[in-house]
Amino acid sequence: MTEVERATLAPGHTISRLIKGGWHLAGGHGTVEHQAAVRDMATFVEAGITTFDCADHYTGVEERIGAFRTDYPDLGKRVEIHTKFVPDYDRLGTVDEAYVTGIIDRSLRRLRVDRLDLVQFHWWDTNTPGYIETALILQKLQQAGKIAHLGTTNFNRARLRELVGAGVSLIANQPQYSPIDLRPEDGVVGFCAEHGMHQLCYGTLAGGFLSARWLDAAEPAEPFDNRSLTKYKLIIDDFGGWALFQQLLRALDGVARKHGVSIPIVALRWVLDRPGVAGAIVGATSARHIEENKRVFSLRLDADDEAAVQAVLERRTGPAGDCYDLERDKDGRHGRIMRYNQNAAD
């Protein structure tokens, strides 16, 4: 049986290197049946994938994880839950301690825990001041025992430097990172390594585009079947377009055939092997791919495999800039698809 690799982010906080994502359970990816989703969580934990990623604004996901912990109490004790604090875009100018505390207390109730294992902080518009003060409020709640550890998501290097410089203690950063999006390598990974922050990567399979389904397929056009495909097709366009993406898929497929695995497994292994990466988040609406995904832990890429992928990556044209810079343009191609105000307090 393949053992799931684990990584230590901080003393007392060890995670499975494959992380069960929660965004796919929040709507926009097909119908989600509550009890089936809860049963699937148990299956993941039994398989050794014990770390769950969710967020305060992922509709219904924290509640489902809380239900899992109640329905499967023994398995629930084995889970590391990574949630997020994401104030609504329209509230950025008025975020205060009462607002932050209310959201954190709500996550505690939903997840049915006394302390949040890891809270990852996101701020939609870093041109709007207040993110440093908000991070310090989160740290105050950490000192009060409501939060065990703090991290960030979607901050670029300059803003991370500001947070660290203000005395915010962070153990993790969650960037979008995959063979078609190398923006974390433009400074963020190095900065985080200097300050003890581990990368917990999302978008590692580009919403499903990094799979045999799209190999030699005609270029798709909107409307897409789900929000992930809409988001990551834009990244493919920036990467160099559909033709270059097909060259990448062929390179990944060649490596996959050589090792007797699938394209997604090669892409996952490639990300897990990047410096500073502790874990990769895999979005899953069911448990049917667990055993296949675990094959990533028996795969070892050699120099020829790396060279085959790198030969394509050297011809990429983007995405440009630092982490999440493109997405912060609310009126731009990437920003226009975001849902900005989903965290109204109950």
C-alpha atoms as a PDB file:
ATOM      1  CA  MET A   1       0.000   0.000   0.000  1.00  0.00           C
ATOM      2  CA  THR A   2       1.336   3.423  -0.970  1.00  0.00           C
ATOM      3  CA  GLU A   3       2.049   5.607   2.045  1.00  0.00           C
ATOM      4  CA  VAL A   4       0.993   9.242   1.909  1.00  0.00           C
ATOM      5  CA  GLU A   5       3.945  11.597   2.328  1.00  0.00           C
ATOM      6  CA  ARG A   6       3.699  14.069   5.182  1.00  0.00           C
ATOM      7  CA  ALA A   7       5.326  17.421   5.904  1.00  0.00           C
ATOM      8  CA  THR A   8       5.837  19.376   9.114  1.00  0.00           C
ATOM      9  CA  LEU A   9       4.848  23.051   8.867  1.00  0.00           C
ATOM     10  CA  ALA A  10       5.520  23.864  12.517  1.00  0.00           C
ATOM     11  CA  PRO A  11       6.079  21.928  15.736  1.00  0.00           C
ATOM     12  CA  GLY A  12       2.918  19.927  16.333  1.00  0.00           C
ATOM     13  CA  HIS A  13       1.446  20.646  12.897  1.00  0.00           C
ATOM     14  CA  THR A  14       2.107  17.924  10.336  1.00  0.00           C
ATOM     15  CA  ILE A  15       0.062  17.569   7.154  1.00  0.00           C
ATOM     16  CA  SER A  16      -0.535  15.087   4.357  1.00  0.00           C
ATOM     17  CA  ARG A  17       1.250  16.380   1.251  1.00  0.00           C
ATOM     18  CA  LEU A  18      -1.900  15.818  -0.772  1.00  0.00           C
ATOM     19  CA  ILE A  19      -4.554  18.144   0.629  1.00  0.00           C
ATOM     20  CA  LYS A  20      -8.255  17.642   0.029  1.00  0.00           C
ATOM     21  CA  GLY A  21      -9.571  20.869  -1.469  1.00  0.00           C
ATOM     22  CA  GLY A  22     -12.971  22.281  -0.559  1.00  0.00           C
ATOM     23  CA  TRP A  23     -13.684  24.874  -3.270  1.00  0.00           C
ATOM     24  CA  HIS A  24     -15.262  22.264  -5.518  1.00  0.00           C
ATOM     25  CA  LEU A  25     -17.885  21.601  -2.837  1.00  0.00           C
ATOM     26  CA  ALA A  26     -18.920  25.243  -2.628  1.00  0.00           C
ATOM     27  CA  GLY A  27     -21.050  25.424  -5.778  1.00  0.00           C
ATOM     28  CA  GLY A  28     -20.333  26.026  -9.447  1.00  0.00           C
ATOM     29  CA  HIS A  29     -19.001  22.482  -9.981  1.00  0.00           C
ATOM     30  CA  GLY A  30     -22.209  20.506 -10.133  1.00  0.00           C
ATOM     31  CA  THR A  31     -24.642  19.291  -7.503  1.00  0.00           C
ATOM     32  CA  VAL A  32     -23.188  18.385  -4.119  1.00  0.00           C
ATOM     33  CA  GLU A  33     -25.049  15.833  -1.992  1.00  0.00           C
ATOM     34  CA  HIS A  34     -24.298  16.611   1.646  1.00  0.00           C
ATOM     35  CA  GLN A  35     -24.214  13.115   3.113  1.00  0.00           C
ATOM     36  CA  ALA A  36     -22.153  11.764   0.218  1.00  0.00           C
ATOM     37  CA  ALA A  37     -19.649  14.593   0.685  1.00  0.00           C
ATOM     38  CA  VAL A  38     -19.360  13.804   4.395  1.00  0.00           C
ATOM     39  CA  ARG A  39     -18.858  10.085   3.703  1.00  0.00           C
ATOM     40  CA  ASP A  40     -16.165  10.951   1.156  1.00  0.00           C
ATOM     41  CA  MET A  41     -14.282  12.918   3.807  1.00  0.00           C
ATOM     42  CA  ALA A  42     -14.108   9.765   5.904  1.00  0.00           C
ATOM     43  CA  THR A  43     -12.760   7.840   2.910  1.00  0.00           C
ATOM     44  CA  PHE A  44     -10.014  10.421   2.379  1.00  0.00           C
ATOM     45  CA  VAL A  45      -8.891  10.238   5.996  1.00  0.00           C
ATOM     46  CA  GLU A  46      -8.918   6.436   5.977  1.00  0.00           C
ATOM     47  CA  ALA A  47      -6.673   6.612   2.901  1.00  0.00           C
ATOM     48  CA  GLY A  48      -4.177   8.833   4.741  1.00  0.00           C
ATOM     49  CA  ILE A  49      -5.167  12.184   3.198  1.00  0.00           C
ATOM     50  CA  THR A  50      -5.896  13.917   6.469  1.00  0.00           C
ATOM     51  CA  THR A  51      -5.504  17.603   5.614  1.00  0.00           C
ATOM     52  CA  PHE A  52      -8.556  19.513   4.391  1.00  0.00           C
ATOM     53  CA  ASP A  53      -8.517  22.981   2.826  1.00  0.00           C
ATOM     54  CA  CYS A  54     -11.598  25.173   3.105  1.00  0.00           C
ATOM     55  CA  ALA A  55     -12.549  28.822   3.632  1.00  0.00           C
ATOM     56  CA  ASP A  56     -15.041  30.971   5.461  1.00  0.00           C
ATOM     57  CA  HIS A  57     -16.568  32.036   2.118  1.00  0.00           C
ATOM     58  CA  TYR A  58     -16.762  28.551   0.536  1.00  0.00           C
ATOM     59  CA  THR A  59     -20.508  28.166   0.861  1.00  0.00           C
ATOM     60  CA  GLY A  60     -21.401  25.238   3.095  1.00  0.00           C
ATOM     61  CA  VAL A  61     -17.939  23.664   3.209  1.00  0.00           C
ATOM     62  CA  GLU A  62     -16.959  24.484   6.791  1.00  0.00           C
ATOM     63  CA  GLU A  63     -20.354  23.166   7.904  1.00  0.00           C
ATOM     64  CA  ARG A  64     -19.817  19.908   6.020  1.00  0.00           C
ATOM     65  CA  ILE A  65     -16.421  19.390   7.633  1.00  0.00           C
ATOM     66  CA  GLY A  66     -18.015  20.084  11.011  1.00  0.00           C
ATOM     67  CA  ALA A  67     -20.688  17.477  10.253  1.00  0.00           C
ATOM     68  CA  PHE A  68     -17.958  14.990   9.309  1.00  0.00           C
ATOM     69  CA  ARG A  69     -16.218  15.568  12.639  1.00  0.00           C
ATOM     70  CA  THR A  70     -19.492  14.852  14.468  1.00  0.00           C
ATOM     71  CA  ASP A  71     -20.479  11.822  12.376  1.00  0.00           C
ATOM     72  CA  TYR A  72     -16.975  10.284  12.423  1.00  0.00           C
ATOM     73  CA  PRO A  73     -15.453  11.437  15.733  1.00  0.00           C
ATOM     74  CA  ASP A  74     -12.466   9.082  15.693  1.00  0.00           C
ATOM     75  CA  LEU A  75     -11.502  10.014  12.142  1.00  0.00           C
ATOM     76  CA  GLY A  76     -12.206  13.662  12.921  1.00  0.00           C
ATOM     77  CA  LYS A  77      -9.426  13.645  15.504  1.00  0.00           C
ATOM     78  CA  ARG A  78      -6.924  12.803  12.756  1.00  0.00           C
ATOM     79  CA  VAL A  79      -7.772  15.768  10.513  1.00  0.00           C
ATOM     80  CA  GLU A  80      -5.833  19.002  10.038  1.00  0.00           C
ATOM     81  CA  ILE A  81      -8.244  21.710   8.887  1.00  0.00           C
ATOM     82  CA  HIS A  82      -6.890  24.703   6.965  1.00  0.00           C
ATOM     83  CA  THR A  83      -9.482  27.432   6.583  1.00  0.00           C
ATOM     84  CA  LYS A  84      -9.216  31.037   5.406  1.00  0.00           C
ATOM     85  CA  PHE A  85     -10.191  34.488   6.539  1.00  0.00           C
ATOM     86  CA  VAL A  86     -11.416  36.436   3.494  1.00  0.00           C
ATOM     87  CA  PRO A  87     -13.208  39.694   4.275  1.00  0.00           C
ATOM     88  CA  ASP A  88     -15.688  40.772   1.628  1.00  0.00           C
ATOM     89  CA  TYR A  89     -14.347  43.205  -0.961  1.00  0.00           C
ATOM     90  CA  ASP A  90     -16.959  45.792  -0.021  1.00  0.00           C
ATOM     91  CA  ARG A  91     -15.925  45.604   3.652  1.00  0.00           C
ATOM     92  CA  LEU A  92     -12.177  46.131   3.211  1.00  0.00           C
ATOM     93  CA  GLY A  93     -12.331  49.772   4.226  1.00  0.00           C
ATOM     94  CA  THR A  94     -14.222  49.050   7.446  1.00  0.00           C
ATOM     95  CA  VAL A  95     -12.716  45.806   8.732  1.00  0.00           C
ATOM     96  CA  ASP A  96     -12.224  46.026  12.499  1.00  0.00           C
ATOM     97  CA  GLU A  97     -11.601  43.681  15.415  1.00  0.00           C
ATOM     98  CA  ALA A  98     -15.304  42.959  15.927  1.00  0.00           C
ATOM     99  CA  TYR A  99     -15.712  41.943  12.280  1.00  0.00           C
ATOM    100  CA  VAL A 100     -12.625  39.707  12.297  1.00  0.00           C
ATOM    101  CA  THR A 101     -13.590  38.091  15.590  1.00  0.00           C
ATOM    102  CA  GLY A 102     -17.116  37.444  14.349  1.00  0.00           C
ATOM    103  CA  ILE A 103     -15.883  35.624  11.243  1.00  0.00           C
ATOM    104  CA  ILE A 104     -13.347  33.553  13.206  1.00  0.00           C
ATOM    105  CA  ASP A 105     -15.948  32.648  15.844  1.00  0.00           C
ATOM    106  CA  ARG A 106     -18.304  31.581  13.058  1.00  0.00           C
ATOM    107  CA  SER A 107     -15.643  29.291  11.581  1.00  0.00           C
ATOM    108  CA  LEU A 108     -15.117  27.745  15.010  1.00  0.00           C
ATOM    109  CA  ARG A 109     -18.857  27.048  15.287  1.00  0.00           C
ATOM    110  CA  ARG A 110     -19.167  25.688  11.774  1.00  0.00           C
ATOM    111  CA  LEU A 111     -16.157  23.405  12.076  1.00  0.00           C
ATOM    112  CA  ARG A 112     -17.158  22.410  15.625  1.00  0.00           C
ATOM    113  CA  VAL A 113     -13.672  22.941  17.030  1.00  0.00           C
ATOM    114  CA  ASP A 114     -12.211  24.909  19.926  1.00  0.00           C
ATOM    115  CA  ARG A 115      -9.232  26.173  17.929  1.00  0.00           C
ATOM    116  CA  LEU A 116      -8.592  26.610  14.188  1.00  0.00           C
ATOM    117  CA  ASP A 117      -5.524  24.667  13.047  1.00  0.00           C
ATOM    118  CA  LEU A 118      -4.466  27.144  10.352  1.00  0.00           C
ATOM    119  CA  VAL A 119      -6.096  30.363   9.163  1.00  0.00           C
ATOM    120  CA  GLN A 120      -4.878  31.609   5.783  1.00  0.00           C
ATOM    121  CA  PHE A 121      -5.424  35.324   5.268  1.00  0.00           C
ATOM    122  CA  HIS A 122      -6.529  36.847   1.949  1.00  0.00           C
ATOM    123  CA  TRP A 123      -7.119  40.529   1.142  1.00  0.00           C
ATOM    124  CA  TRP A 124      -8.807  41.261  -2.174  1.00  0.00           C
ATOM    125  CA  ASP A 125      -7.260  44.667  -2.907  1.00  0.00           C
ATOM    126  CA  THR A 126      -3.892  45.472  -1.371  1.00  0.00           C
ATOM    127  CA  ASN A 127      -4.229  49.049  -2.618  1.00  0.00           C
ATOM    128  CA  THR A 128      -6.882  49.354   0.099  1.00  0.00           C
ATOM    129  CA  PRO A 129      -5.104  49.797   3.440  1.00  0.00           C
ATOM    130  CA  GLY A 130      -5.905  47.692   6.454  1.00  0.00           C
ATOM    131  CA  TYR A 131      -4.402  44.302   5.677  1.00  0.00           C
ATOM    132  CA  ILE A 132      -1.501  44.735   8.095  1.00  0.00           C
ATOM    133  CA  GLU A 133      -3.808  45.816  10.903  1.00  0.00           C
ATOM    134  CA  THR A 134      -6.144  42.918  10.090  1.00  0.00           C
ATOM    135  CA  ALA A 135      -3.291  40.402  10.166  1.00  0.00           C
ATOM    136  CA  LEU A 136      -2.305  41.723  13.582  1.00  0.00           C
ATOM    137  CA  ILE A 137      -5.892  41.241  14.784  1.00  0.00           C
ATOM    138  CA  LEU A 138      -5.714  37.629  13.601  1.00  0.00           C
ATOM    139  CA  GLN A 139      -2.468  37.273  15.507  1.00  0.00           C
ATOM    140  CA  LYS A 140      -4.174  38.643  18.610  1.00  0.00           C
ATOM    141  CA  LEU A 141      -6.866  35.963  18.227  1.00  0.00           C
ATOM    142  CA  GLN A 142      -4.086  33.415  17.843  1.00  0.00           C
ATOM    143  CA  GLN A 143      -2.592  34.576  21.134  1.00  0.00           C
ATOM    144  CA  ALA A 144      -6.048  34.248  22.694  1.00  0.00           C
ATOM    145  CA  GLY A 145      -6.114  30.578  21.707  1.00  0.00           C
ATOM    146  CA  LYS A 146      -8.691  30.688  18.913  1.00  0.00           C
ATOM    147  CA  ILE A 147      -6.129  30.028  16.166  1.00  0.00           C
ATOM    148  CA  ALA A 148      -3.123  27.702  16.268  1.00  0.00           C
ATOM    149  CA  HIS A 149      -1.227  28.985  13.223  1.00  0.00           C
ATOM    150  CA  LEU A 150      -1.461  31.742  10.612  1.00  0.00           C
ATOM    151  CA  GLY A 151      -0.716  31.748   6.916  1.00  0.00           C
ATOM    152  CA  THR A 152      -1.502  33.775   3.826  1.00  0.00           C
ATOM    153  CA  THR A 153      -2.957  33.176   0.412  1.00  0.00           C
ATOM    154  CA  ASN A 154      -2.536  35.232  -2.762  1.00  0.00           C
ATOM    155  CA  PHE A 155      -0.120  37.808  -1.366  1.00  0.00           C
ATOM    156  CA  ASN A 156       2.831  38.850  -3.519  1.00  0.00           C
ATOM    157  CA  ARG A 157       6.392  39.203  -2.228  1.00  0.00           C
ATOM    158  CA  ALA A 158       6.176  42.933  -1.477  1.00  0.00           C
ATOM    159  CA  ARG A 159       3.040  42.528   0.635  1.00  0.00           C
ATOM    160  CA  LEU A 160       4.424  39.442   2.394  1.00  0.00           C
ATOM    161  CA  ARG A 161       7.479  41.489   3.297  1.00  0.00           C
ATOM    162  CA  GLU A 162       5.207  44.127   4.842  1.00  0.00           C
ATOM    163  CA  LEU A 163       3.354  41.545   6.928  1.00  0.00           C
ATOM    164  CA  VAL A 164       6.530  39.900   8.173  1.00  0.00           C
ATOM    165  CA  GLY A 165       8.061  43.298   8.833  1.00  0.00           C
ATOM    166  CA  ALA A 166       5.063  44.197  10.991  1.00  0.00           C
ATOM    167  CA  GLY A 167       5.756  41.191  13.182  1.00  0.00           C
ATOM    168  CA  VAL A 168       3.109  38.804  11.853  1.00  0.00           C
ATOM    169  CA  SER A 169       4.235  35.208  12.377  1.00  0.00           C
ATOM    170  CA  LEU A 170       3.327  33.026   9.380  1.00  0.00           C
ATOM    171  CA  ILE A 171       4.009  29.343   8.733  1.00  0.00           C
ATOM    172  CA  ALA A 172       2.424  28.884   5.298  1.00  0.00           C
ATOM    173  CA  ASN A 173       1.545  30.596   2.054  1.00  0.00           C
ATOM    174  CA  GLN A 174      -1.025  29.340  -0.450  1.00  0.00           C
ATOM    175  CA  PRO A 175      -0.232  30.362  -4.048  1.00  0.00           C
ATOM    176  CA  GLN A 176      -1.552  29.218  -7.392  1.00  0.00           C
ATOM    177  CA  TYR A 177       1.301  27.035  -8.653  1.00  0.00           C
ATOM    178  CA  SER A 178       1.434  24.523 -11.490  1.00  0.00           C
ATOM    179  CA  PRO A 179       3.417  23.774 -14.653  1.00  0.00           C
ATOM    180  CA  ILE A 180       1.374  26.495 -16.398  1.00  0.00           C
ATOM    181  CA  ASP A 181       1.684  29.092 -13.610  1.00  0.00           C
ATOM    182  CA  LEU A 182       5.184  29.669 -12.284  1.00  0.00           C
ATOM    183  CA  ARG A 183       4.589  33.069 -10.719  1.00  0.00           C
ATOM    184  CA  PRO A 184       5.537  31.884  -7.193  1.00  0.00           C
ATOM    185  CA  GLU A 185       9.073  31.301  -8.471  1.00  0.00           C
ATOM    186  CA  ASP A 186       9.483  35.028  -9.138  1.00  0.00           C
ATOM    187  CA  GLY A 187      10.451  35.858  -5.561  1.00  0.00           C
ATOM    188  CA  VAL A 188       7.676  34.528  -3.325  1.00  0.00           C
ATOM    189  CA  VAL A 189       9.105  31.038  -2.813  1.00  0.00           C
ATOM    190  CA  GLY A 190      12.547  32.397  -1.966  1.00  0.00           C
ATOM    191  CA  PHE A 191      11.205  35.002   0.439  1.00  0.00           C
ATOM    192  CA  CYS A 192       9.026  32.442   2.193  1.00  0.00           C
ATOM    193  CA  ALA A 193      11.948  30.033   2.540  1.00  0.00           C
ATOM    194  CA  GLU A 194      13.937  32.767   4.285  1.00  0.00           C
ATOM    195  CA  HIS A 195      11.113  33.272   6.780  1.00  0.00           C
ATOM    196  CA  GLY A 196      10.047  29.695   7.500  1.00  0.00           C
ATOM    197  CA  MET A 197       6.898  29.700   5.366  1.00  0.00           C
ATOM    198  CA  HIS A 198       5.862  26.598   3.437  1.00  0.00           C
ATOM    199  CA  GLN A 199       3.971  26.586   0.124  1.00  0.00           C
ATOM    200  CA  LEU A 200       0.538  24.921   0.049  1.00  0.00           C
ATOM    201  CA  CYS A 201      -0.305  25.075  -3.635  1.00  0.00           C
ATOM    202  CA  TYR A 202      -3.654  25.277  -5.378  1.00  0.00           C
ATOM    203  CA  GLY A 203      -4.445  25.056  -9.084  1.00  0.00           C
ATOM    204  CA  THR A 204      -1.888  22.258  -9.400  1.00  0.00           C
ATOM    205  CA  LEU A 205      -3.997  20.455 -12.017  1.00  0.00           C
ATOM    206  CA  ALA A 206      -5.374  23.651 -13.586  1.00  0.00           C
ATOM    207  CA  GLY A 207      -8.948  22.776 -12.784  1.00  0.00           C
ATOM    208  CA  GLY A 208      -8.657  19.469 -14.640  1.00  0.00           C
ATOM    209  CA  PHE A 209      -7.012  20.819 -17.786  1.00  0.00           C
ATOM    210  CA  LEU A 210      -3.809  18.944 -16.915  1.00  0.00           C
ATOM    211  CA  SER A 211      -5.262  15.569 -17.871  1.00  0.00           C
ATOM    212  CA  ALA A 212      -5.562  13.187 -20.822  1.00  0.00           C
ATOM    213  CA  ARG A 213      -9.073  14.465 -21.457  1.00  0.00           C
ATOM    214  CA  TRP A 214      -7.602  17.594 -23.066  1.00  0.00           C
ATOM    215  CA  LEU A 215      -4.683  15.979 -24.901  1.00  0.00           C
ATOM    216  CA  ASP A 216      -5.084  16.610 -28.654  1.00  0.00           C
ATOM    217  CA  ALA A 217      -8.517  18.135 -27.994  1.00  0.00           C
ATOM    218  CA  ALA A 218      -9.830  21.142 -29.853  1.00  0.00           C
ATOM    219  CA  GLU A 219      -9.482  24.426 -28.009  1.00  0.00           C
ATOM    220  CA  PRO A 220     -12.602  24.972 -25.889  1.00  0.00           C
ATOM    221  CA  ALA A 221     -14.517  28.216 -25.643  1.00  0.00           C
ATOM    222  CA  GLU A 222     -16.840  29.758 -23.084  1.00  0.00           C
ATOM    223  CA  PRO A 223     -19.227  28.980 -21.571  1.00  0.00           C
ATOM    224  CA  PHE A 224     -17.427  26.213 -19.680  1.00  0.00           C
ATOM    225  CA  ASP A 225     -18.927  23.462 -17.549  1.00  0.00           C
ATOM    226  CA  ASN A 226     -17.651  24.891 -14.271  1.00  0.00           C
ATOM    227  CA  ARG A 227     -15.858  27.812 -12.662  1.00  0.00           C
ATOM    228  CA  SER A 228     -12.482  26.053 -12.560  1.00  0.00           C
ATOM    229  CA  LEU A 229     -12.325  25.605 -16.317  1.00  0.00           C
ATOM    230  CA  THR A 230     -13.261  29.268 -16.796  1.00  0.00           C
ATOM    231  CA  LYS A 231     -10.473  30.355 -14.456  1.00  0.00           C
ATOM    232  CA  TYR A 232      -7.691  28.136 -15.749  1.00  0.00           C
ATOM    233  CA  LYS A 233      -8.389  28.581 -19.444  1.00  0.00           C
ATOM    234  CA  LEU A 234      -7.349  32.196 -18.891  1.00  0.00           C
ATOM    235  CA  ILE A 235      -4.081  30.958 -17.384  1.00  0.00           C
ATOM    236  CA  ILE A 236      -3.529  28.704 -20.412  1.00  0.00           C
ATOM    237  CA  ASP A 237      -4.022  31.703 -22.688  1.00  0.00           C
ATOM    238  CA  ASP A 238      -1.366  33.602 -20.749  1.00  0.00           C
ATOM    239  CA  PHE A 239       0.936  30.569 -20.633  1.00  0.00           C
ATOM    240  CA  GLY A 240       1.260  30.708 -24.395  1.00  0.00           C
ATOM    241  CA  GLY A 241      -2.041  29.574 -25.819  1.00  0.00           C
ATOM    242  CA  TRP A 242      -3.623  26.261 -26.651  1.00  0.00           C
ATOM    243  CA  ALA A 243      -0.904  25.085 -29.039  1.00  0.00           C
ATOM    244  CA  LEU A 244       1.860  25.463 -26.448  1.00  0.00           C
ATOM    245  CA  PHE A 245      -0.369  23.916 -23.813  1.00  0.00           C
ATOM    246  CA  GLN A 246      -0.787  20.898 -26.085  1.00  0.00           C
ATOM    247  CA  GLN A 247       2.997  20.604 -26.278  1.00  0.00           C
ATOM    248  CA  LEU A 248       3.115  20.584 -22.478  1.00  0.00           C
ATOM    249  CA  LEU A 249       0.433  17.893 -22.293  1.00  0.00           C
ATOM    250  CA  ARG A 250       2.395  15.764 -24.766  1.00  0.00           C
ATOM    251  CA  ALA A 251       5.552  16.147 -22.669  1.00  0.00           C
ATOM    252  CA  LEU A 252       3.677  15.207 -19.501  1.00  0.00           C
ATOM    253  CA  ASP A 253       2.024  12.310 -21.294  1.00  0.00           C
ATOM    254  CA  GLY A 254       5.410  11.005 -22.420  1.00  0.00           C
ATOM    255  CA  VAL A 255       6.663  11.046 -18.843  1.00  0.00           C
ATOM    256  CA  ALA A 256       3.425   9.452 -17.625  1.00  0.00           C
ATOM    257  CA  ARG A 257       3.645   6.586 -20.121  1.00  0.00           C
ATOM    258  CA  LYS A 258       7.269   5.978 -19.212  1.00  0.00           C
ATOM    259  CA  HIS A 259       6.346   5.515 -15.533  1.00  0.00           C
ATOM    260  CA  GLY A 260       2.957   3.875 -16.020  1.00  0.00           C
ATOM    261  CA  VAL A 261       0.970   6.697 -14.443  1.00  0.00           C
ATOM    262  CA  SER A 262      -1.378   9.447 -15.654  1.00  0.00           C
ATOM    263  CA  ILE A 263      -0.790  13.065 -16.654  1.00  0.00           C
ATOM    264  CA  PRO A 264      -2.271  14.457 -13.401  1.00  0.00           C
ATOM    265  CA  ILE A 265       0.107  12.325 -11.329  1.00  0.00           C
ATOM    266  CA  VAL A 266       3.122  13.685 -13.215  1.00  0.00           C
ATOM    267  CA  ALA A 267       1.869  17.270 -12.795  1.00  0.00           C
ATOM    268  CA  LEU A 268       1.292  16.729  -9.064  1.00  0.00           C
ATOM    269  CA  ARG A 269       4.739  15.195  -8.583  1.00  0.00           C
ATOM    270  CA  TRP A 270       6.313  18.056 -10.498  1.00  0.00           C
ATOM    271  CA  VAL A 271       4.719  20.586  -8.116  1.00  0.00           C
ATOM    272  CA  LEU A 272       5.509  18.592  -4.966  1.00  0.00           C
ATOM    273  CA  ASP A 273       9.156  18.473  -6.047  1.00  0.00           C
ATOM    274  CA  ARG A 274       9.487  22.274  -6.330  1.00  0.00           C
ATOM    275  CA  PRO A 275      11.597  23.917  -3.604  1.00  0.00           C
ATOM    276  CA  GLY A 276       9.581  25.056  -0.616  1.00  0.00           C
ATOM    277  CA  VAL A 277       6.434  23.131  -1.506  1.00  0.00           C
ATOM    278  CA  ALA A 278       4.954  21.244   1.444  1.00  0.00           C
ATOM    279  CA  GLY A 279       1.625  20.259  -0.088  1.00  0.00           C
ATOM    280  CA  ALA A 280      -0.619  20.359  -3.129  1.00  0.00           C
ATOM    281  CA  ILE A 281      -4.367  20.896  -2.927  1.00  0.00           C
ATOM    282  CA  VAL A 282      -6.462  18.598  -5.107  1.00  0.00           C
ATOM    283  CA  GLY A 283     -10.060  19.631  -5.668  1.00  0.00           C
ATOM    284  CA  ALA A 284     -12.361  16.647  -5.440  1.00  0.00           C
ATOM    285  CA  THR A 285     -16.130  16.361  -5.532  1.00  0.00           C
ATOM    286  CA  SER A 286     -15.879  12.630  -4.772  1.00  0.00           C
ATOM    287  CA  ALA A 287     -13.453  10.003  -3.509  1.00  0.00           C
ATOM    288  CA  ARG A 288     -13.194   8.005  -6.725  1.00  0.00           C
ATOM    289  CA  HIS A 289      -9.668   9.153  -7.649  1.00  0.00           C
ATOM    290  CA  ILE A 290      -8.021   8.681  -4.240  1.00  0.00           C
ATOM    291  CA  GLU A 291      -6.007   5.573  -5.018  1.00  0.00           C
ATOM    292  CA  GLU A 292      -4.908   6.972  -8.374  1.00  0.00           C
ATOM    293  CA  ASN A 293      -3.825  10.239  -6.749  1.00  0.00           C
ATOM    294  CA  LYS A 294      -1.827   8.377  -4.103  1.00  0.00           C
ATOM    295  CA  ARG A 295       0.364   6.971  -6.873  1.00  0.00           C
ATOM    296  CA  VAL A 296       2.133  10.340  -6.831  1.00  0.00           C
ATOM    297  CA  PHE A 297       4.008   9.122  -3.759  1.00  0.00           C
ATOM    298  CA  SER A 298       5.610   6.202  -5.572  1.00  0.00           C
ATOM    299  CA  LEU A 299       6.603   8.299  -8.609  1.00  0.00           C
ATOM    300  CA  ARG A 300      10.105   9.730  -8.887  1.00  0.00           C
ATOM    301  CA  LEU A 301      10.899  12.047 -11.774  1.00  0.00           C
ATOM    302  CA  ASP A 302      14.390  11.730 -13.194  1.00  0.00           C
ATOM    303  CA  ALA A 303      16.563  14.282 -14.975  1.00  0.00           C
ATOM    304  CA  ASP A 304      15.191  13.330 -18.397  1.00  0.00           C
ATOM    305  CA  ASP A 305      11.621  13.805 -17.168  1.00  0.00           C
ATOM    306  CA  GLU A 306      12.419  17.232 -15.764  1.00  0.00           C
ATOM    307  CA  ALA A 307      14.197  18.223 -18.981  1.00  0.00           C
ATOM    308  CA  ALA A 308      11.227  17.192 -21.133  1.00  0.00           C
ATOM    309  CA  VAL A 309       8.884  19.424 -19.157  1.00  0.00           C
ATOM    310  CA  GLN A 310      11.375  22.279 -18.879  1.00  0.00           C
ATOM    311  CA  ALA A 311      11.889  22.342 -22.658  1.00  0.00           C
ATOM    312  CA  VAL A 312       8.248  23.378 -23.028  1.00  0.00           C
ATOM    313  CA  LEU A 313       8.218  25.748 -20.061  1.00  0.00           C
ATOM    314  CA  GLU A 314      11.100  27.711 -21.546  1.00  0.00           C
ATOM    315  CA  ARG A 315       8.759  28.782 -24.370  1.00  0.00           C
ATOM    316  CA  ARG A 316       5.981  30.046 -22.133  1.00  0.00           C
ATOM    317  CA  THR A 317       4.919  33.701 -22.292  1.00  0.00           C
ATOM    318  CA  GLY A 318       3.290  34.014 -18.866  1.00  0.00           C
ATOM    319  CA  PRO A 319       1.328  34.466 -16.709  1.00  0.00           C
ATOM    320  CA  ALA A 320       3.193  37.668 -16.003  1.00  0.00           C
ATOM    321  CA  GLY A 321       4.003  39.343 -12.721  1.00  0.00           C
ATOM    322  CA  ASP A 322       4.000  38.259  -9.117  1.00  0.00           C
ATOM    323  CA  CYS A 323       1.474  36.012  -7.402  1.00  0.00           C
ATOM    324  CA  TYR A 324      -2.129  37.114  -7.911  1.00  0.00           C
ATOM    325  CA  ASP A 325      -1.227  40.472  -9.440  1.00  0.00           C
ATOM    326  CA  LEU A 326      -3.308  39.740 -12.547  1.00  0.00           C
ATOM    327  CA  GLU A 327      -6.299  38.640 -10.502  1.00  0.00           C
ATOM    328  CA  ARG A 328      -6.297  41.819  -8.399  1.00  0.00           C
ATOM    329  CA  ASP A 329      -7.466  43.856 -11.403  1.00  0.00           C
ATOM    330  CA  LYS A 330     -11.177  43.610 -10.703  1.00  0.00           C
ATOM    331  CA  ASP A 331     -12.069  44.729 -14.210  1.00  0.00           C
ATOM    332  CA  GLY A 332      -9.439  42.627 -15.981  1.00  0.00           C
ATOM    333  CA  ARG A 333      -9.770  39.243 -17.654  1.00  0.00           C
ATOM    334  CA  HIS A 334      -8.921  37.362 -14.471  1.00  0.00           C
ATOM    335  CA  GLY A 335     -10.578  39.603 -11.925  1.00  0.00           C
ATOM    336  CA  ARG A 336     -13.944  39.810 -13.661  1.00  0.00           C
ATOM    337  CA  ILE A 337     -14.747  36.155 -12.912  1.00  0.00           C
ATOM    338  CA  MET A 338     -14.223  36.392  -9.133  1.00  0.00           C
ATOM    339  CA  ARG A 339     -16.995  36.374  -6.547  1.00  0.00           C
ATOM    340  CA  TYR A 340     -16.016  39.104  -4.148  1.00  0.00           C
ATOM    341  CA  ASN A 341     -18.705  39.353  -1.484  1.00  0.00           C
ATOM    342  CA  GLN A 342     -19.632  35.920  -0.135  1.00  0.00           C
ATOM    343  CA  ASN A 343     -18.735  36.308   3.500  1.00  0.00           C
ATOM    344  CA  ALA A 344     -21.579  38.263   5.070  1.00  0.00           C
ATOM    345  CA  ALA A 345     -21.607  37.268   8.713  1.00  0.00           C
ATOM    346  CA  ASP A 346     -24.497  35.118   9.898  1.00  0.00           C
END
